[in-house]
């Protein structure tokens, strides 16, 4: 077994593992984008509840 065989084996293994990225494609990016929108909507909903609670509280410092 020569060093060429070893390097070709490493090459074949890496090409086999990189096929995972072909399968994933942009799915991960779409997932992050969707999670960002959901997180932003939740943040705005929670902030509105806090603002409404603060508007109805006359004993707060301004």
Protein backbone atom coordinates (compact mmCIF):
# COMPACT_ATOMS: atom_id res chain seq x y z
CA UNK A 1 0.00 0.00 0.00
CA UNK A 2 1.51 3.28 -1.10
CA UNK A 3 0.89 6.76 0.17
CA UNK A 4 -1.18 7.44 -2.95
CA UNK A 5 -3.68 4.81 -1.86
CA UNK A 6 -3.94 6.41 1.56
CA UNK A 7 -4.53 9.86 0.11
CA UNK A 8 -7.14 8.55 -2.32
CA UNK A 9 -8.89 6.79 0.57
CA UNK A 10 -8.97 10.03 2.56
CA UNK A 11 -10.27 11.83 -0.53
CA UNK A 12 -13.04 9.29 -1.05
CA UNK A 13 -14.05 9.50 2.61
CA UNK A 14 -14.19 13.31 2.56
CA UNK A 15 -16.21 13.38 -0.64
CA UNK A 16 -18.63 10.90 0.89
CA UNK A 17 -19.06 13.02 4.04
CA UNK A 18 -19.49 16.27 2.09
CA UNK A 19 -22.55 14.84 0.36
CA UNK A 20 -24.34 15.78 3.58
CA UNK A 21 -24.01 19.44 2.63
CA UNK A 22 -25.60 18.79 -0.76
CA UNK A 23 -28.58 17.27 1.02
CA UNK A 24 -28.86 20.11 3.56
CA UNK A 25 -28.57 22.87 0.97
CA UNK A 26 -30.34 26.00 2.23
CA UNK A 27 -32.62 24.16 4.66
CA UNK A 28 -30.55 25.30 7.63
CA UNK A 29 -30.65 28.92 6.45
CA UNK A 30 -34.43 28.75 6.03
CA UNK A 31 -34.74 27.26 9.51
CA UNK A 32 -32.70 30.10 11.04
CA UNK A 33 -34.75 32.68 9.14
CA UNK A 34 -38.03 31.17 10.36
CA UNK A 35 -36.76 30.99 13.95
CA UNK A 36 -35.73 34.65 13.70
CA UNK A 37 -39.20 35.72 12.59
CA UNK A 38 -40.87 33.64 15.30
CA UNK A 39 -38.51 35.03 17.93
CA UNK A 40 -39.12 38.59 16.76
CA UNK A 41 -42.91 38.10 16.87
CA UNK A 42 -42.69 36.65 20.38
CA UNK A 43 -40.46 39.53 21.48
CA UNK A 44 -42.88 42.14 20.12
CA UNK A 45 -45.87 40.38 21.74
CA UNK A 46 -44.09 40.27 25.11
CA UNK A 47 -42.97 43.89 24.78
CA UNK A 48 -46.56 44.97 24.07
CA UNK A 49 -47.73 43.21 27.24
CA UNK A 50 -45.04 45.00 29.27
CA UNK A 51 -45.92 48.37 27.71
CA UNK A 52 -49.63 47.90 28.43
CA UNK A 53 -48.84 46.89 32.02
CA UNK A 54 -46.60 49.94 32.46
CA UNK A 55 -49.22 52.29 30.98
CA UNK A 56 -51.80 51.09 33.51
CA UNK A 57 -49.47 51.46 36.52
CA UNK A 58 -49.59 55.02 37.95
CA UNK A 59 -47.07 54.22 40.73
CA UNK A 60 -44.02 53.86 38.50
CA UNK A 61 -41.13 56.28 38.25
CA UNK A 62 -40.99 58.32 35.08
